[in-house]
Amino acid sequence: MDNKEIREYLISRNFQQKIDKLAQKYKDKKVMIYGASMAFDVIRENYDLSGLNIIGIADIRFSDGEQTDVYKDYNTYNSYTFLEQKPDAVLIGMLESEVAEYFFEDTLIPRFGDFKYEPLIKKSFFESLKELFAYQE
């Protein structure tokens, strides 16, 4: 998907309403975004995230220990160490949230213990199934 397709997809899903629900759910909680992706860039540029207390954004491309770096106005953290910031929740800012979830389960949970996470963009079962069959063709 390109930026335009992501934007159209989010519009069709009333995405601001999803963000507002997350803001209520995580009111007064520290939230870390995982994935400095094209999808997160579209979200950041087109939606109001001010209701979320976002303490930073983690991505594999960010260097460890260089917390003075900023991406889209957020402090940056490395994928392997961002949990040291002790976020109350991690919101996955990638379309392919399963990739992050596998990484969390295989690498981070054994190291840091369980933590709360969920995708920012949640696809329906039908959409996931459709992608699976399109991928196999």
N, C-alpha and C. Protein backbone atom coordinates (compact mmCIF):
# COMPACT_ATOMS: atom_id res chain seq x y z
N MET A 1 0.84 -1.19 0.00
CA MET A 1 0.00 0.00 0.00
C MET A 1 0.89 1.25 0.00
N ASP A 2 0.46 2.25 -0.74
CA ASP A 2 1.17 3.52 -0.70
C ASP A 2 0.43 4.47 0.25
N ASN A 3 0.97 5.67 0.42
CA ASN A 3 0.38 6.64 1.35
C ASN A 3 -1.10 6.90 1.07
N LYS A 4 -1.43 7.08 -0.20
CA LYS A 4 -2.81 7.39 -0.56
C LYS A 4 -3.74 6.22 -0.20
N GLU A 5 -3.31 5.01 -0.49
CA GLU A 5 -4.14 3.83 -0.18
C GLU A 5 -4.31 3.66 1.33
N ILE A 6 -3.25 3.91 2.07
CA ILE A 6 -3.34 3.82 3.53
C ILE A 6 -4.32 4.86 4.05
N ARG A 7 -4.20 6.07 3.53
CA ARG A 7 -5.11 7.15 3.96
C ARG A 7 -6.57 6.82 3.67
N GLU A 8 -6.83 6.33 2.47
CA GLU A 8 -8.20 5.95 2.10
C GLU A 8 -8.72 4.82 2.98
N TYR A 9 -7.85 3.86 3.27
CA TYR A 9 -8.22 2.75 4.14
C TYR A 9 -8.60 3.26 5.54
N LEU A 10 -7.78 4.15 6.08
CA LEU A 10 -8.04 4.69 7.42
C LEU A 10 -9.33 5.52 7.44
N ILE A 11 -9.56 6.29 6.39
CA ILE A 11 -10.79 7.08 6.30
C ILE A 11 -12.00 6.15 6.30
N SER A 12 -11.91 5.07 5.53
CA SER A 12 -13.04 4.13 5.44
C SER A 12 -13.31 3.43 6.77
N ARG A 13 -12.31 3.42 7.65
CA ARG A 13 -12.45 2.75 8.95
C ARG A 13 -12.75 3.73 10.09
N ASN A 14 -13.06 4.99 9.77
CA ASN A 14 -13.30 6.02 10.79
C ASN A 14 -12.18 5.99 11.84
N PHE A 15 -10.97 6.14 11.36
CA PHE A 15 -9.80 5.92 12.19
C PHE A 15 -9.69 6.88 13.37
N GLN A 16 -10.13 8.12 13.23
CA GLN A 16 -10.05 9.04 14.37
C GLN A 16 -10.86 8.50 15.55
N GLN A 17 -11.96 7.86 15.25
CA GLN A 17 -12.78 7.26 16.31
C GLN A 17 -11.97 6.18 17.05
N LYS A 18 -11.19 5.39 16.33
CA LYS A 18 -10.33 4.36 16.93
C LYS A 18 -9.30 5.02 17.85
N ILE A 19 -8.69 6.09 17.38
CA ILE A 19 -7.70 6.80 18.20
C ILE A 19 -8.35 7.35 19.46
N ASP A 20 -9.54 7.92 19.31
CA ASP A 20 -10.23 8.48 20.47
C ASP A 20 -10.55 7.41 21.50
N LYS A 21 -10.91 6.22 21.05
CA LYS A 21 -11.17 5.11 21.98
C LYS A 21 -9.89 4.68 22.68
N LEU A 22 -8.80 4.63 21.94
CA LEU A 22 -7.51 4.29 22.55
C LEU A 22 -7.10 5.36 23.57
N ALA A 23 -7.37 6.62 23.26
CA ALA A 23 -7.05 7.71 24.19
C ALA A 23 -7.83 7.55 25.49
N GLN A 24 -9.08 7.14 25.39
CA GLN A 24 -9.87 6.89 26.61
C GLN A 24 -9.33 5.68 27.36
N LYS A 25 -9.04 4.63 26.63
CA LYS A 25 -8.54 3.39 27.23
C LYS A 25 -7.22 3.60 27.97
N TYR A 26 -6.34 4.43 27.38
CA TYR A 26 -5.01 4.64 27.95
C TYR A 26 -4.84 6.04 28.55
N LYS A 27 -5.94 6.59 29.02
CA LYS A 27 -5.90 7.91 29.66
C LYS A 27 -4.93 7.86 30.84
N ASP A 28 -4.05 8.85 30.89
CA ASP A 28 -3.04 8.97 31.95
C ASP A 28 -2.04 7.81 31.96
N LYS A 29 -1.88 7.12 30.86
CA LYS A 29 -0.92 6.01 30.73
C LYS A 29 0.18 6.42 29.75
N LYS A 30 1.37 5.87 29.95
CA LYS A 30 2.48 6.12 29.04
C LYS A 30 2.38 5.15 27.87
N VAL A 31 2.37 5.69 26.66
CA VAL A 31 2.21 4.89 25.44
C VAL A 31 3.46 5.01 24.58
N MET A 32 3.95 3.87 24.11
CA MET A 32 5.07 3.84 23.17
C MET A 32 4.52 3.37 21.83
N ILE A 33 4.93 4.00 20.76
CA ILE A 33 4.58 3.55 19.42
C ILE A 33 5.70 2.62 18.96
N TYR A 34 5.34 1.48 18.40
CA TYR A 34 6.35 0.59 17.85
C TYR A 34 6.20 0.57 16.33
N GLY A 35 7.23 1.01 15.64
CA GLY A 35 7.22 0.99 14.17
C GLY A 35 7.11 2.37 13.57
N ALA A 36 8.23 2.91 13.14
CA ALA A 36 8.25 4.19 12.43
C ALA A 36 8.00 3.89 10.96
N SER A 37 6.81 3.49 10.66
CA SER A 37 6.45 2.99 9.34
C SER A 37 5.74 4.05 8.51
N MET A 38 5.53 3.72 7.24
CA MET A 38 4.76 4.59 6.36
C MET A 38 3.34 4.77 6.93
N ALA A 39 2.78 3.69 7.46
CA ALA A 39 1.43 3.77 8.04
C ALA A 39 1.40 4.75 9.21
N PHE A 40 2.40 4.69 10.09
CA PHE A 40 2.42 5.63 11.20
C PHE A 40 2.59 7.06 10.71
N ASP A 41 3.42 7.24 9.68
CA ASP A 41 3.59 8.59 9.12
C ASP A 41 2.26 9.15 8.63
N VAL A 42 1.47 8.33 7.95
CA VAL A 42 0.15 8.76 7.46
C VAL A 42 -0.75 9.10 8.64
N ILE A 43 -0.72 8.28 9.67
CA ILE A 43 -1.54 8.53 10.86
C ILE A 43 -1.12 9.86 11.50
N ARG A 44 0.16 10.03 11.69
CA ARG A 44 0.70 11.23 12.36
C ARG A 44 0.33 12.50 11.58
N GLU A 45 0.34 12.42 10.27
CA GLU A 45 0.08 13.59 9.44
C GLU A 45 -1.40 13.91 9.28
N ASN A 46 -2.28 12.93 9.52
CA ASN A 46 -3.70 13.12 9.21
C ASN A 46 -4.65 12.98 10.39
N TYR A 47 -4.15 12.59 11.54
CA TYR A 47 -5.04 12.34 12.67
C TYR A 47 -4.51 12.99 13.94
N ASP A 48 -5.43 13.25 14.85
CA ASP A 48 -5.10 13.90 16.12
C ASP A 48 -4.72 12.84 17.15
N LEU A 49 -3.45 12.79 17.49
CA LEU A 49 -2.94 11.83 18.48
C LEU A 49 -2.75 12.48 19.85
N SER A 50 -3.16 13.72 20.00
CA SER A 50 -2.89 14.47 21.24
C SER A 50 -3.54 13.86 22.48
N GLY A 51 -4.55 13.03 22.31
CA GLY A 51 -5.19 12.38 23.46
C GLY A 51 -4.38 11.23 24.03
N LEU A 52 -3.36 10.82 23.29
CA LEU A 52 -2.49 9.73 23.75
C LEU A 52 -1.22 10.33 24.34
N ASN A 53 -0.79 9.84 25.47
CA ASN A 53 0.45 10.28 26.10
C ASN A 53 1.61 9.46 25.50
N ILE A 54 2.02 9.83 24.29
CA ILE A 54 3.05 9.10 23.57
C ILE A 54 4.41 9.55 24.09
N ILE A 55 5.16 8.60 24.68
CA ILE A 55 6.46 8.92 25.26
C ILE A 55 7.60 8.71 24.27
N GLY A 56 7.31 8.06 23.14
CA GLY A 56 8.34 7.85 22.15
C GLY A 56 7.92 6.87 21.08
N ILE A 57 8.84 6.64 20.16
CA ILE A 57 8.60 5.71 19.07
C ILE A 57 9.82 4.80 18.95
N ALA A 58 9.56 3.51 18.85
CA ALA A 58 10.63 2.51 18.76
C ALA A 58 10.66 1.90 17.37
N ASP A 59 11.87 1.68 16.89
CA ASP A 59 12.03 1.06 15.58
C ASP A 59 13.43 0.47 15.49
N ILE A 60 13.57 -0.57 14.71
CA ILE A 60 14.86 -1.24 14.55
C ILE A 60 15.91 -0.29 13.97
N ARG A 61 15.48 0.71 13.23
CA ARG A 61 16.46 1.60 12.59
C ARG A 61 16.99 2.69 13.51
N PHE A 62 16.42 2.81 14.70
CA PHE A 62 16.91 3.81 15.64
C PHE A 62 18.04 3.22 16.48
N SER A 63 19.06 4.01 16.73
CA SER A 63 20.23 3.55 17.49
C SER A 63 19.93 3.51 18.97
N ASP A 64 20.50 2.53 19.61
CA ASP A 64 20.34 2.39 21.05
C ASP A 64 21.12 3.50 21.76
N GLY A 65 20.51 4.07 22.77
CA GLY A 65 21.19 5.05 23.58
C GLY A 65 21.19 6.45 23.03
N GLU A 66 20.67 6.66 21.86
CA GLU A 66 20.63 8.00 21.28
C GLU A 66 19.23 8.58 21.44
N GLN A 67 18.83 8.73 22.67
CA GLN A 67 17.47 9.16 22.95
C GLN A 67 17.26 10.65 22.71
N THR A 68 18.30 11.34 22.30
CA THR A 68 18.12 12.75 21.94
C THR A 68 17.59 12.87 20.52
N ASP A 69 17.61 11.75 19.79
CA ASP A 69 17.08 11.76 18.44
C ASP A 69 15.56 11.87 18.48
N VAL A 70 15.02 12.50 17.45
CA VAL A 70 13.58 12.72 17.39
C VAL A 70 13.08 12.31 16.02
N TYR A 71 11.91 11.68 15.99
CA TYR A 71 11.26 11.30 14.75
C TYR A 71 9.81 11.75 14.85
N LYS A 72 9.38 12.60 13.95
CA LYS A 72 8.00 13.11 13.95
C LYS A 72 7.63 13.67 15.33
N ASP A 73 8.55 14.40 15.93
CA ASP A 73 8.36 15.05 17.24
C ASP A 73 8.38 14.09 18.43
N TYR A 74 8.75 12.84 18.22
CA TYR A 74 8.80 11.87 19.32
C TYR A 74 10.23 11.41 19.56
N ASN A 75 10.58 11.20 20.83
CA ASN A 75 11.88 10.61 21.15
C ASN A 75 11.95 9.22 20.54
N THR A 76 13.14 8.84 20.12
CA THR A 76 13.30 7.55 19.45
C THR A 76 14.01 6.54 20.36
N TYR A 77 13.64 5.27 20.18
CA TYR A 77 14.23 4.19 20.97
C TYR A 77 14.45 2.98 20.06
N ASN A 78 15.41 2.18 20.42
CA ASN A 78 15.72 0.97 19.68
C ASN A 78 14.71 -0.12 20.00
N SER A 79 14.45 -0.98 19.04
CA SER A 79 13.48 -2.07 19.20
C SER A 79 13.81 -3.02 20.34
N TYR A 80 15.07 -3.16 20.65
CA TYR A 80 15.47 -4.12 21.67
C TYR A 80 15.51 -3.55 23.08
N THR A 81 15.43 -2.22 23.20
CA THR A 81 15.59 -1.61 24.52
C THR A 81 14.46 -0.66 24.94
N PHE A 82 13.50 -0.41 24.06
CA PHE A 82 12.48 0.60 24.37
C PHE A 82 11.67 0.28 25.61
N LEU A 83 11.57 -0.99 25.96
CA LEU A 83 10.78 -1.36 27.15
C LEU A 83 11.44 -0.89 28.44
N GLU A 84 12.70 -0.49 28.38
CA GLU A 84 13.35 0.09 29.55
C GLU A 84 12.66 1.39 29.97
N GLN A 85 11.90 2.00 29.06
CA GLN A 85 11.15 3.23 29.35
C GLN A 85 9.88 2.94 30.14
N LYS A 86 9.57 1.68 30.31
CA LYS A 86 8.41 1.20 31.07
C LYS A 86 7.08 1.81 30.62
N PRO A 87 6.77 1.67 29.32
CA PRO A 87 5.46 2.17 28.86
C PRO A 87 4.34 1.30 29.44
N ASP A 88 3.18 1.91 29.64
CA ASP A 88 2.02 1.15 30.11
C ASP A 88 1.41 0.34 28.97
N ALA A 89 1.62 0.82 27.74
CA ALA A 89 1.09 0.13 26.57
C ALA A 89 1.96 0.45 25.36
N VAL A 90 2.00 -0.50 24.43
CA VAL A 90 2.72 -0.32 23.18
C VAL A 90 1.70 -0.44 22.05
N LEU A 91 1.62 0.58 21.22
CA LEU A 91 0.72 0.55 20.07
C LEU A 91 1.57 0.33 18.83
N ILE A 92 1.24 -0.72 18.09
CA ILE A 92 2.00 -1.08 16.90
C ILE A 92 1.54 -0.21 15.74
N GLY A 93 2.44 0.59 15.21
CA GLY A 93 2.11 1.54 14.15
C GLY A 93 2.41 1.03 12.76
N MET A 94 2.35 -0.28 12.58
CA MET A 94 2.65 -0.91 11.29
C MET A 94 1.40 -1.60 10.76
N LEU A 95 1.26 -1.67 9.45
CA LEU A 95 0.15 -2.42 8.88
C LEU A 95 0.30 -3.91 9.16
N GLU A 96 1.51 -4.41 9.10
CA GLU A 96 1.78 -5.83 9.34
C GLU A 96 2.09 -6.02 10.82
N SER A 97 1.12 -5.83 11.68
CA SER A 97 1.34 -5.89 13.12
C SER A 97 1.81 -7.26 13.58
N GLU A 98 1.51 -8.30 12.79
CA GLU A 98 1.92 -9.65 13.18
C GLU A 98 3.44 -9.75 13.27
N VAL A 99 4.14 -9.03 12.42
CA VAL A 99 5.61 -9.05 12.44
C VAL A 99 6.10 -8.57 13.81
N ALA A 100 5.55 -7.47 14.28
CA ALA A 100 5.93 -6.93 15.59
C ALA A 100 5.51 -7.89 16.70
N GLU A 101 4.31 -8.45 16.59
CA GLU A 101 3.83 -9.36 17.63
C GLU A 101 4.73 -10.58 17.76
N TYR A 102 5.17 -11.15 16.65
CA TYR A 102 6.10 -12.29 16.69
C TYR A 102 7.42 -11.88 17.35
N PHE A 103 7.92 -10.69 17.00
CA PHE A 103 9.15 -10.18 17.61
C PHE A 103 8.98 -10.01 19.11
N PHE A 104 7.85 -9.45 19.52
CA PHE A 104 7.60 -9.27 20.95
C PHE A 104 7.61 -10.62 21.67
N GLU A 105 6.86 -11.57 21.12
CA GLU A 105 6.71 -12.88 21.77
C GLU A 105 8.02 -13.67 21.78
N ASP A 106 8.79 -13.61 20.69
CA ASP A 106 10.02 -14.40 20.60
C ASP A 106 11.22 -13.75 21.28
N THR A 107 11.27 -12.43 21.27
CA THR A 107 12.48 -11.74 21.72
C THR A 107 12.28 -10.90 22.98
N LEU A 108 11.25 -10.06 22.99
CA LEU A 108 11.12 -9.10 24.09
C LEU A 108 10.48 -9.67 25.35
N ILE A 109 9.43 -10.45 25.20
CA ILE A 109 8.75 -11.00 26.39
C ILE A 109 9.69 -11.91 27.18
N PRO A 110 10.48 -12.79 26.54
CA PRO A 110 11.43 -13.57 27.33
C PRO A 110 12.44 -12.71 28.09
N ARG A 111 12.77 -11.56 27.53
CA ARG A 111 13.77 -10.68 28.16
C ARG A 111 13.18 -9.74 29.21
N PHE A 112 11.99 -9.16 28.90
CA PHE A 112 11.41 -8.13 29.77
C PHE A 112 10.16 -8.60 30.52
N GLY A 113 9.60 -9.73 30.15
CA GLY A 113 8.33 -10.17 30.74
C GLY A 113 7.16 -9.64 29.92
N ASP A 114 5.97 -10.08 30.28
CA ASP A 114 4.76 -9.66 29.56
C ASP A 114 4.57 -8.15 29.60
N PHE A 115 4.02 -7.62 28.55
CA PHE A 115 3.65 -6.20 28.49
C PHE A 115 2.44 -6.07 27.58
N LYS A 116 1.71 -4.98 27.77
CA LYS A 116 0.48 -4.75 27.02
C LYS A 116 0.81 -4.13 25.67
N TYR A 117 0.28 -4.74 24.61
CA TYR A 117 0.46 -4.20 23.26
C TYR A 117 -0.76 -4.52 22.42
N GLU A 118 -0.96 -3.68 21.40
CA GLU A 118 -2.03 -3.91 20.44
C GLU A 118 -1.75 -3.10 19.18
N PRO A 119 -2.31 -3.55 18.06
CA PRO A 119 -2.09 -2.80 16.82
C PRO A 119 -2.89 -1.50 16.80
N LEU A 120 -2.30 -0.46 16.27
CA LEU A 120 -3.02 0.79 16.04
C LEU A 120 -4.05 0.56 14.93
N ILE A 121 -3.63 -0.16 13.90
CA ILE A 121 -4.50 -0.45 12.76
C ILE A 121 -4.85 -1.93 12.81
N LYS A 122 -6.05 -2.21 13.20
CA LYS A 122 -6.47 -3.61 13.33
C LYS A 122 -7.28 -4.00 12.11
N LYS A 123 -6.79 -5.00 11.41
CA LYS A 123 -7.50 -5.48 10.23
C LYS A 123 -8.55 -6.52 10.64
N SER A 124 -9.61 -6.56 9.87
CA SER A 124 -10.63 -7.56 10.13
C SER A 124 -10.12 -8.93 9.70
N PHE A 125 -10.75 -9.96 10.18
CA PHE A 125 -10.39 -11.33 9.80
C PHE A 125 -10.49 -11.50 8.29
N PHE A 126 -11.54 -10.95 7.69
CA PHE A 126 -11.74 -11.05 6.25
C PHE A 126 -10.60 -10.39 5.49
N GLU A 127 -10.18 -9.21 5.94
CA GLU A 127 -9.09 -8.51 5.28
C GLU A 127 -7.78 -9.31 5.37
N SER A 128 -7.53 -9.88 6.52
CA SER A 128 -6.32 -10.69 6.69
C SER A 128 -6.36 -11.93 5.80
N LEU A 129 -7.51 -12.56 5.72
CA LEU A 129 -7.67 -13.74 4.89
C LEU A 129 -7.47 -13.39 3.41
N LYS A 130 -8.03 -12.27 3.00
CA LYS A 130 -7.90 -11.81 1.62
C LYS A 130 -6.42 -11.58 1.28
N GLU A 131 -5.68 -10.95 2.19
CA GLU A 131 -4.26 -10.72 1.98
C GLU A 131 -3.48 -12.03 1.89
N LEU A 132 -3.85 -12.97 2.71
CA LEU A 132 -3.16 -14.26 2.72
C LEU A 132 -3.31 -14.95 1.36
N PHE A 133 -4.52 -14.96 0.82
CA PHE A 133 -4.73 -15.59 -0.48
C PHE A 133 -4.09 -14.81 -1.61
N ALA A 134 -4.06 -13.49 -1.51
CA ALA A 134 -3.42 -12.66 -2.53
C ALA A 134 -1.90 -12.91 -2.51
N TYR A 135 -1.35 -13.14 -1.32
CA TYR A 135 0.07 -13.39 -1.18
C TYR A 135 0.47 -14.72 -1.80
N GLN A 136 -0.39 -15.70 -1.75
CA GLN A 136 -0.09 -17.04 -2.25
C GLN A 136 -0.20 -17.15 -3.76
N GLU A 137 -0.83 -16.19 -4.39
CA GLU A 137 -1.01 -16.26 -5.85
C GLU A 137 0.25 -15.92 -6.60
